[in-house]
Amino acid sequence: MNTVRVVLPYSLYTLARSAAEIELDVAGPVTLAAVLDALEAAYPMLTGALRDRATGQRRPLVRFFACQDDQSNLGADALLPDEVAAGREPLLVVGAIAGG
């Protein structure tokens, strides 16, 4: 079991009624899908906020960063960096800003 740190933006940690940074226990390989599964299990109100409920695809205005690298376009089953899996670095969830 790995303890992964996740940092949420204001809108999501307010929705989840949590702190901005949370710790999640992730069983098995630490992939983006595994972290999001653990996040949605611990905070069901976030289900559908980060990824589409039907397809499981990332929402267009949500990005994921680990160790200063954008992880958003990697496959959901790609391993996250060892620093994230070990809890030394957080996985950052960032809401993109759009507008004109």
Protein backbone atom coordinates (compact mmCIF):
# COMPACT_ATOMS: atom_id res chain seq x y z
CA MET A 1 0.00 0.00 0.00
CA ASN A 2 1.38 3.41 -1.01
CA THR A 3 0.40 6.72 0.57
CA VAL A 4 0.07 9.33 -2.16
CA ARG A 5 -0.28 13.06 -1.56
CA VAL A 6 -2.75 14.93 -3.77
CA VAL A 7 -3.14 18.71 -3.93
CA LEU A 8 -6.55 19.90 -5.09
CA PRO A 9 -7.56 23.35 -6.36
CA TYR A 10 -9.87 25.51 -4.24
CA SER A 11 -13.07 24.52 -6.05
CA LEU A 12 -12.44 20.80 -5.56
CA TYR A 13 -11.21 20.82 -1.97
CA THR A 14 -14.19 23.01 -1.09
CA LEU A 15 -16.53 20.54 -2.80
CA ALA A 16 -14.82 17.66 -0.99
CA ARG A 17 -14.85 19.55 2.32
CA SER A 18 -11.20 18.63 2.77
CA ALA A 19 -7.84 20.31 3.12
CA ALA A 20 -6.08 21.39 -0.07
CA GLU A 21 -3.57 18.56 0.34
CA ILE A 22 -4.87 15.10 1.16
CA GLU A 23 -3.24 11.71 1.58
CA LEU A 24 -4.66 8.62 -0.07
CA ASP A 25 -3.78 4.96 0.31
CA VAL A 26 -3.30 3.42 -3.11
CA ALA A 27 -3.01 -0.35 -3.47
CA GLY A 28 -0.97 -1.80 -6.30
CA PRO A 29 0.88 0.19 -8.93
CA VAL A 30 0.55 3.96 -8.50
CA THR A 31 -1.08 5.07 -11.73
CA LEU A 32 -3.21 8.12 -12.39
CA ALA A 33 -6.26 5.85 -12.64
CA ALA A 34 -5.47 4.20 -9.29
CA VAL A 35 -5.04 7.58 -7.58
CA LEU A 36 -8.28 8.90 -9.06
CA ASP A 37 -10.10 5.71 -8.04
CA ALA A 38 -8.84 6.15 -4.46
CA LEU A 39 -9.74 9.85 -4.51
CA GLU A 40 -13.28 9.18 -5.70
CA ALA A 41 -13.70 6.35 -3.18
CA ALA A 42 -12.61 8.61 -0.32
CA TYR A 43 -14.50 11.67 -1.60
CA PRO A 44 -17.52 10.44 -3.61
CA MET A 45 -18.67 14.01 -4.22
CA LEU A 46 -15.69 14.39 -6.58
CA THR A 47 -16.90 11.57 -8.83
CA GLY A 48 -17.37 13.10 -12.27
CA ALA A 49 -15.49 16.29 -11.43
CA LEU A 50 -12.07 15.15 -12.66
CA ARG A 51 -13.05 12.60 -15.27
CA ASP A 52 -16.18 11.78 -17.19
CA ARG A 53 -18.34 9.24 -15.36
CA ALA A 54 -19.22 7.28 -18.49
CA THR A 55 -15.88 7.20 -20.32
CA GLY A 56 -13.37 7.73 -17.50
CA GLN A 57 -11.60 10.33 -19.65
CA ARG A 58 -10.03 13.40 -18.04
CA ARG A 59 -12.23 16.50 -18.08
CA PRO A 60 -10.90 19.00 -20.67
CA LEU A 61 -10.08 21.76 -18.17
CA VAL A 62 -8.39 19.52 -15.59
CA ARG A 63 -4.62 18.90 -15.66
CA PHE A 64 -2.40 16.65 -13.55
CA PHE A 65 1.21 17.47 -12.68
CA ALA A 66 3.83 15.36 -10.90
CA CYS A 67 7.43 16.40 -10.29
CA GLN A 68 6.91 19.49 -12.47
CA ASP A 69 5.84 17.34 -15.44
CA ASP A 70 2.41 17.36 -17.05
CA GLN A 71 0.91 13.88 -16.64
CA SER A 72 -2.45 14.82 -18.18
CA ASN A 73 -1.98 13.21 -21.60
CA LEU A 74 -0.34 10.01 -20.42
CA GLY A 75 -2.45 6.89 -20.38
CA ALA A 76 -4.45 6.38 -17.20
CA ASP A 77 -2.46 3.20 -16.54
CA ALA A 78 0.97 4.83 -16.92
CA LEU A 79 2.99 4.72 -13.71
CA LEU A 80 3.38 8.00 -11.87
CA PRO A 81 6.92 8.99 -10.84
CA ASP A 82 8.50 7.11 -7.92
CA GLU A 83 8.61 10.35 -5.87
CA VAL A 84 4.80 10.55 -6.04
CA ALA A 85 4.35 6.84 -5.31
CA ALA A 86 6.56 7.20 -2.23
CA GLY A 87 4.71 10.30 -0.99
CA ARG A 88 7.77 12.57 -1.30
CA GLU A 89 6.13 14.71 -4.01
CA PRO A 90 2.42 15.43 -4.46
CA LEU A 91 0.25 14.90 -7.49
CA LEU A 92 -1.12 18.34 -8.35
CA VAL A 93 -4.62 18.68 -9.76
CA VAL A 94 -4.89 21.98 -11.62
CA GLY A 95 -7.97 23.54 -13.12
CA ALA A 96 -7.12 25.20 -16.43
CA ILE A 97 -8.27 28.74 -17.05
CA ALA A 98 -10.13 29.45 -20.26
CA GLY A 99 -11.78 32.50 -21.63
CA GLY A 100 -11.34 35.28 -24.06
